[in-house]
Amino acid sequence: LSPVCLGSLRRAASINAEYMGEPQIRKVVSQIRPDRQTLLRSATWPRSIQSLAREFLNDPIQVNIGSLDASANKNVTQIIGVVAKNRKMDSFYKLLGQIMDGGRILVFTGTKRLADNSR
């Protein structure tokens, strides 16, 4: 993938607040055109994200699906890594070996085939 110059976005920017903290969101917003349309999404919609939405969005519309009382589980550890394509599975199995403690692990994959091949 090639880097994208956010200043060149003319129509829309989509920001997934679930995977970014306030400093990262501020950095993204500072680099995109002020006349863009912005979609700010969050599954849990915490107060900090609500505050950022009020600060950065013009005339926002809020769409809720489900309860507004939802929150992220504080006992979940999310690990994100960037590895070369040909090293993905080796890195994945190495990480599993390091963190397996008898508990449950949830792994997201891009395709069902990759999930099936990971067993």
N, C-alpha and C. Protein backbone atom coordinates (compact mmCIF):
# COMPACT_ATOMS: atom_id res chain seq x y z
N LEU A 1 0.83 -1.18 0.00
CA LEU A 1 0.00 0.00 0.00
C LEU A 1 0.87 1.24 0.00
N SER A 2 0.42 2.24 -0.71
CA SER A 2 1.14 3.51 -0.75
C SER A 2 0.52 4.50 0.22
N PRO A 3 1.34 5.37 0.81
CA PRO A 3 0.77 6.40 1.69
C PRO A 3 -0.14 7.33 0.91
N VAL A 4 -1.15 7.85 1.59
CA VAL A 4 -2.09 8.78 0.97
C VAL A 4 -1.91 10.14 1.63
N CYS A 5 -1.81 11.18 0.82
CA CYS A 5 -1.74 12.53 1.35
C CYS A 5 -3.16 12.95 1.71
N LEU A 6 -3.44 13.09 3.00
CA LEU A 6 -4.79 13.38 3.44
C LEU A 6 -5.27 14.74 2.97
N GLY A 7 -4.35 15.66 2.71
CA GLY A 7 -4.73 16.99 2.23
C GLY A 7 -5.36 16.95 0.86
N SER A 8 -5.19 15.84 0.15
CA SER A 8 -5.76 15.74 -1.20
C SER A 8 -7.19 15.21 -1.19
N LEU A 9 -7.68 14.77 -0.03
CA LEU A 9 -9.06 14.30 0.04
C LEU A 9 -10.01 15.45 -0.21
N ARG A 10 -10.83 15.33 -1.22
CA ARG A 10 -11.73 16.42 -1.58
C ARG A 10 -13.15 16.22 -1.09
N ARG A 11 -13.55 15.01 -0.87
CA ARG A 11 -14.95 14.77 -0.56
C ARG A 11 -15.18 14.22 0.84
N ALA A 12 -14.48 13.18 1.21
CA ALA A 12 -14.84 12.51 2.45
C ALA A 12 -13.62 11.94 3.16
N ALA A 13 -13.73 11.83 4.45
CA ALA A 13 -12.73 11.16 5.28
C ALA A 13 -13.49 10.29 6.26
N SER A 14 -13.01 9.07 6.46
CA SER A 14 -13.65 8.16 7.39
C SER A 14 -12.65 7.85 8.50
N ILE A 15 -13.03 8.10 9.72
CA ILE A 15 -12.14 7.90 10.86
C ILE A 15 -12.78 6.89 11.78
N ASN A 16 -12.10 5.78 12.01
CA ASN A 16 -12.59 4.77 12.93
C ASN A 16 -12.00 5.06 14.30
N ALA A 17 -12.77 5.68 15.15
CA ALA A 17 -12.29 6.13 16.45
C ALA A 17 -11.99 4.97 17.39
N GLU A 18 -12.48 3.79 17.08
CA GLU A 18 -12.27 2.63 17.94
C GLU A 18 -10.80 2.26 18.04
N TYR A 19 -10.05 2.49 16.98
CA TYR A 19 -8.66 2.06 16.94
C TYR A 19 -7.67 3.21 17.10
N MET A 20 -8.16 4.39 17.41
CA MET A 20 -7.30 5.55 17.52
C MET A 20 -7.59 6.28 18.83
N GLY A 21 -6.56 6.87 19.38
CA GLY A 21 -6.75 7.71 20.55
C GLY A 21 -6.92 9.16 20.11
N GLU A 22 -7.18 10.02 21.07
CA GLU A 22 -7.40 11.43 20.75
C GLU A 22 -6.23 12.06 19.99
N PRO A 23 -4.96 11.81 20.38
CA PRO A 23 -3.86 12.44 19.64
C PRO A 23 -3.82 12.00 18.17
N GLN A 24 -4.11 10.72 17.90
CA GLN A 24 -4.09 10.24 16.53
C GLN A 24 -5.24 10.84 15.72
N ILE A 25 -6.42 10.95 16.34
CA ILE A 25 -7.56 11.54 15.64
C ILE A 25 -7.26 13.01 15.33
N ARG A 26 -6.70 13.72 16.29
CA ARG A 26 -6.35 15.13 16.06
C ARG A 26 -5.35 15.26 14.91
N LYS A 27 -4.38 14.35 14.86
CA LYS A 27 -3.38 14.41 13.79
C LYS A 27 -4.03 14.20 12.42
N VAL A 28 -4.92 13.20 12.33
CA VAL A 28 -5.60 12.94 11.06
C VAL A 28 -6.43 14.16 10.65
N VAL A 29 -7.22 14.68 11.58
CA VAL A 29 -8.10 15.81 11.27
C VAL A 29 -7.29 17.04 10.86
N SER A 30 -6.12 17.22 11.46
CA SER A 30 -5.30 18.39 11.12
C SER A 30 -4.74 18.31 9.71
N GLN A 31 -4.73 17.12 9.12
CA GLN A 31 -4.14 16.94 7.80
C GLN A 31 -5.16 16.85 6.67
N ILE A 32 -6.45 16.89 7.00
CA ILE A 32 -7.44 16.81 5.94
C ILE A 32 -8.10 18.16 5.72
N ARG A 33 -8.61 18.35 4.54
CA ARG A 33 -9.20 19.63 4.16
C ARG A 33 -10.39 19.98 5.05
N PRO A 34 -10.54 21.24 5.40
CA PRO A 34 -11.66 21.63 6.26
C PRO A 34 -13.02 21.54 5.57
N ASP A 35 -13.06 21.49 4.25
CA ASP A 35 -14.33 21.45 3.53
C ASP A 35 -14.75 20.02 3.17
N ARG A 36 -14.19 19.03 3.85
CA ARG A 36 -14.51 17.63 3.53
C ARG A 36 -15.75 17.18 4.30
N GLN A 37 -16.31 16.06 3.88
CA GLN A 37 -17.34 15.38 4.66
C GLN A 37 -16.60 14.35 5.50
N THR A 38 -16.98 14.21 6.74
CA THR A 38 -16.26 13.30 7.63
C THR A 38 -17.23 12.33 8.28
N LEU A 39 -16.85 11.07 8.29
CA LEU A 39 -17.59 10.04 9.00
C LEU A 39 -16.71 9.62 10.17
N LEU A 40 -17.19 9.83 11.37
CA LEU A 40 -16.48 9.43 12.58
C LEU A 40 -17.27 8.29 13.18
N ARG A 41 -16.68 7.08 13.21
CA ARG A 41 -17.42 5.93 13.68
C ARG A 41 -16.80 5.39 14.97
N SER A 42 -17.67 4.90 15.82
CA SER A 42 -17.24 4.28 17.06
C SER A 42 -18.33 3.32 17.52
N ALA A 43 -17.94 2.10 17.85
CA ALA A 43 -18.92 1.13 18.32
C ALA A 43 -19.39 1.46 19.73
N THR A 44 -18.53 2.05 20.53
CA THR A 44 -18.88 2.29 21.93
C THR A 44 -19.21 3.75 22.22
N TRP A 45 -18.76 4.67 21.39
CA TRP A 45 -19.08 6.10 21.49
C TRP A 45 -18.83 6.67 22.89
N PRO A 46 -17.59 6.54 23.40
CA PRO A 46 -17.28 7.07 24.74
C PRO A 46 -17.33 8.60 24.74
N ARG A 47 -17.40 9.17 25.93
CA ARG A 47 -17.52 10.63 26.07
C ARG A 47 -16.37 11.36 25.38
N SER A 48 -15.17 10.81 25.43
CA SER A 48 -14.02 11.47 24.80
C SER A 48 -14.22 11.57 23.29
N ILE A 49 -14.80 10.56 22.67
CA ILE A 49 -15.05 10.59 21.23
C ILE A 49 -16.22 11.53 20.93
N GLN A 50 -17.22 11.54 21.79
CA GLN A 50 -18.34 12.48 21.61
C GLN A 50 -17.83 13.92 21.63
N SER A 51 -16.92 14.20 22.54
CA SER A 51 -16.35 15.54 22.65
C SER A 51 -15.57 15.91 21.39
N LEU A 52 -14.78 14.98 20.88
CA LEU A 52 -14.04 15.23 19.63
C LEU A 52 -15.00 15.46 18.47
N ALA A 53 -16.07 14.70 18.43
CA ALA A 53 -17.05 14.86 17.35
C ALA A 53 -17.63 16.27 17.38
N ARG A 54 -17.98 16.74 18.57
CA ARG A 54 -18.53 18.11 18.68
C ARG A 54 -17.51 19.15 18.24
N GLU A 55 -16.24 18.88 18.51
CA GLU A 55 -15.18 19.83 18.17
C GLU A 55 -14.88 19.85 16.67
N PHE A 56 -14.83 18.70 16.02
CA PHE A 56 -14.36 18.60 14.65
C PHE A 56 -15.43 18.57 13.58
N LEU A 57 -16.65 18.18 13.92
CA LEU A 57 -17.67 17.99 12.90
C LEU A 57 -18.59 19.20 12.82
N ASN A 58 -18.96 19.56 11.60
CA ASN A 58 -19.90 20.65 11.38
C ASN A 58 -21.28 20.07 11.11
N ASP A 59 -22.26 20.50 11.89
CA ASP A 59 -23.64 20.05 11.71
C ASP A 59 -23.73 18.53 11.65
N PRO A 60 -23.23 17.84 12.70
CA PRO A 60 -23.18 16.38 12.65
C PRO A 60 -24.55 15.72 12.78
N ILE A 61 -24.64 14.54 12.25
CA ILE A 61 -25.80 13.68 12.41
C ILE A 61 -25.31 12.43 13.11
N GLN A 62 -25.96 12.04 14.19
CA GLN A 62 -25.55 10.85 14.94
C GLN A 62 -26.53 9.73 14.64
N VAL A 63 -25.99 8.58 14.24
CA VAL A 63 -26.79 7.38 13.97
C VAL A 63 -26.41 6.34 15.01
N ASN A 64 -27.39 5.87 15.76
CA ASN A 64 -27.15 4.87 16.80
C ASN A 64 -27.78 3.55 16.39
N ILE A 65 -27.02 2.49 16.53
CA ILE A 65 -27.54 1.15 16.32
C ILE A 65 -27.30 0.41 17.62
N GLY A 66 -28.35 0.06 18.31
CA GLY A 66 -28.20 -0.60 19.60
C GLY A 66 -28.17 0.41 20.73
N SER A 67 -27.65 -0.02 21.85
CA SER A 67 -27.67 0.78 23.07
C SER A 67 -26.54 1.80 23.11
N LEU A 68 -26.83 2.96 23.66
CA LEU A 68 -25.79 3.97 23.88
C LEU A 68 -25.00 3.66 25.14
N ASP A 69 -25.43 2.67 25.91
CA ASP A 69 -24.75 2.30 27.14
C ASP A 69 -23.63 1.30 26.92
N ALA A 70 -23.36 0.92 25.67
CA ALA A 70 -22.32 -0.06 25.38
C ALA A 70 -20.95 0.53 25.71
N SER A 71 -20.04 -0.33 26.16
CA SER A 71 -18.67 0.11 26.42
C SER A 71 -17.72 -1.03 26.11
N ALA A 72 -16.48 -0.68 25.84
CA ALA A 72 -15.47 -1.69 25.54
C ALA A 72 -15.07 -2.40 26.83
N ASN A 73 -14.80 -3.67 26.72
CA ASN A 73 -14.35 -4.47 27.86
C ASN A 73 -12.91 -4.09 28.18
N LYS A 74 -12.66 -3.66 29.41
CA LYS A 74 -11.32 -3.23 29.82
C LYS A 74 -10.35 -4.40 29.99
N ASN A 75 -10.87 -5.63 30.00
CA ASN A 75 -10.02 -6.80 30.17
C ASN A 75 -9.52 -7.38 28.86
N VAL A 76 -9.83 -6.73 27.75
CA VAL A 76 -9.42 -7.21 26.44
C VAL A 76 -8.11 -6.53 26.06
N THR A 77 -7.16 -7.33 25.62
CA THR A 77 -5.90 -6.79 25.13
C THR A 77 -5.90 -6.88 23.61
N GLN A 78 -5.65 -5.78 22.96
CA GLN A 78 -5.59 -5.75 21.50
C GLN A 78 -4.14 -5.61 21.10
N ILE A 79 -3.69 -6.48 20.22
CA ILE A 79 -2.31 -6.44 19.74
C ILE A 79 -2.35 -6.22 18.24
N ILE A 80 -1.69 -5.18 17.79
CA ILE A 80 -1.64 -4.87 16.37
C ILE A 80 -0.19 -4.87 15.95
N GLY A 81 0.11 -5.55 14.88
CA GLY A 81 1.49 -5.60 14.41
C GLY A 81 1.56 -5.42 12.91
N VAL A 82 2.63 -4.85 12.46
CA VAL A 82 2.88 -4.69 11.03
C VAL A 82 4.05 -5.59 10.68
N VAL A 83 3.79 -6.53 9.79
CA VAL A 83 4.84 -7.47 9.38
C VAL A 83 4.79 -7.63 7.86
N ALA A 84 5.89 -8.10 7.31
CA ALA A 84 5.94 -8.36 5.87
C ALA A 84 4.95 -9.47 5.53
N LYS A 85 4.35 -9.38 4.35
CA LYS A 85 3.31 -10.32 3.94
C LYS A 85 3.76 -11.78 4.07
N ASN A 86 5.01 -12.04 3.67
CA ASN A 86 5.49 -13.43 3.70
C ASN A 86 5.86 -13.89 5.11
N ARG A 87 5.75 -13.03 6.11
CA ARG A 87 6.07 -13.38 7.50
C ARG A 87 4.84 -13.40 8.40
N LYS A 88 3.66 -13.16 7.82
CA LYS A 88 2.45 -13.05 8.64
C LYS A 88 2.19 -14.27 9.50
N MET A 89 2.14 -15.42 8.90
CA MET A 89 1.78 -16.63 9.65
C MET A 89 2.84 -16.98 10.68
N ASP A 90 4.13 -16.84 10.31
CA ASP A 90 5.19 -17.11 11.28
C ASP A 90 5.06 -16.18 12.47
N SER A 91 4.82 -14.90 12.21
CA SER A 91 4.67 -13.92 13.29
C SER A 91 3.43 -14.23 14.13
N PHE A 92 2.35 -14.62 13.47
CA PHE A 92 1.11 -14.96 14.16
C PHE A 92 1.32 -16.13 15.12
N TYR A 93 1.93 -17.22 14.63
CA TYR A 93 2.13 -18.39 15.49
C TYR A 93 3.13 -18.10 16.61
N LYS A 94 4.12 -17.28 16.35
CA LYS A 94 5.08 -16.89 17.40
C LYS A 94 4.35 -16.11 18.50
N LEU A 95 3.51 -15.17 18.10
CA LEU A 95 2.75 -14.38 19.07
C LEU A 95 1.81 -15.27 19.87
N LEU A 96 1.12 -16.20 19.19
CA LEU A 96 0.22 -17.12 19.91
C LEU A 96 0.98 -17.91 20.96
N GLY A 97 2.18 -18.37 20.59
CA GLY A 97 2.99 -19.12 21.54
C GLY A 97 3.36 -18.29 22.77
N GLN A 98 3.52 -16.98 22.58
CA GLN A 98 3.90 -16.10 23.68
C GLN A 98 2.72 -15.78 24.60
N ILE A 99 1.51 -15.73 24.05
CA ILE A 99 0.38 -15.25 24.85
C ILE A 99 -0.59 -16.33 25.29
N MET A 100 -0.48 -17.54 24.76
CA MET A 100 -1.42 -18.60 25.14
C MET A 100 -1.28 -18.92 26.62
N ASP A 101 -2.38 -18.80 27.35
CA ASP A 101 -2.37 -19.08 28.77
C ASP A 101 -3.55 -19.95 29.19
N GLY A 102 -4.21 -20.56 28.21
CA GLY A 102 -5.37 -21.39 28.50
C GLY A 102 -6.69 -20.64 28.38
N GLY A 103 -6.60 -19.30 28.25
CA GLY A 103 -7.81 -18.50 28.08
C GLY A 103 -8.24 -18.47 26.62
N ARG A 104 -9.24 -17.67 26.36
CA ARG A 104 -9.76 -17.56 25.00
C ARG A 104 -9.07 -16.43 24.26
N ILE A 105 -8.88 -16.63 22.96
CA ILE A 105 -8.27 -15.62 22.10
C ILE A 105 -9.17 -15.46 20.88
N LEU A 106 -9.46 -14.22 20.54
CA LEU A 106 -10.27 -13.91 19.37
C LEU A 106 -9.35 -13.30 18.32
N VAL A 107 -9.35 -13.90 17.13
CA VAL A 107 -8.48 -13.44 16.04
C VAL A 107 -9.36 -13.05 14.87
N PHE A 108 -9.15 -11.85 14.33
CA PHE A 108 -9.86 -11.39 13.15
C PHE A 108 -8.97 -11.62 11.93
N THR A 109 -9.57 -12.16 10.88
CA THR A 109 -8.83 -12.35 9.63
C THR A 109 -9.59 -11.66 8.51
N GLY A 110 -8.89 -11.42 7.43
CA GLY A 110 -9.50 -10.73 6.29
C GLY A 110 -10.45 -11.63 5.50
N THR A 111 -10.22 -12.94 5.54
CA THR A 111 -11.07 -13.87 4.77
C THR A 111 -11.33 -15.13 5.59
N LYS A 112 -12.41 -15.82 5.26
CA LYS A 112 -12.73 -17.09 5.90
C LYS A 112 -11.65 -18.12 5.56
N ARG A 113 -11.15 -18.07 4.33
CA ARG A 113 -10.11 -19.03 3.92
C ARG A 113 -8.87 -18.89 4.80
N LEU A 114 -8.46 -17.67 5.09
CA LEU A 114 -7.30 -17.47 5.96
C LEU A 114 -7.59 -18.01 7.36
N ALA A 115 -8.81 -17.79 7.86
CA ALA A 115 -9.16 -18.32 9.18
C ALA A 115 -9.12 -19.85 9.17
N ASP A 116 -9.66 -20.45 8.12
CA ASP A 116 -9.65 -21.92 8.02
C ASP A 116 -8.24 -22.46 7.94
N ASN A 117 -7.35 -21.76 7.22
CA ASN A 117 -5.96 -22.21 7.06
C ASN A 117 -5.11 -21.96 8.30
N SER A 118 -5.63 -21.21 9.27
CA SER A 118 -4.86 -20.86 10.46
C SER A 118 -5.02 -21.87 11.58
N ARG A 119 -5.89 -22.85 11.38
CA ARG A 119 -6.14 -23.83 12.46
C ARG A 119 -4.96 -24.73 12.67
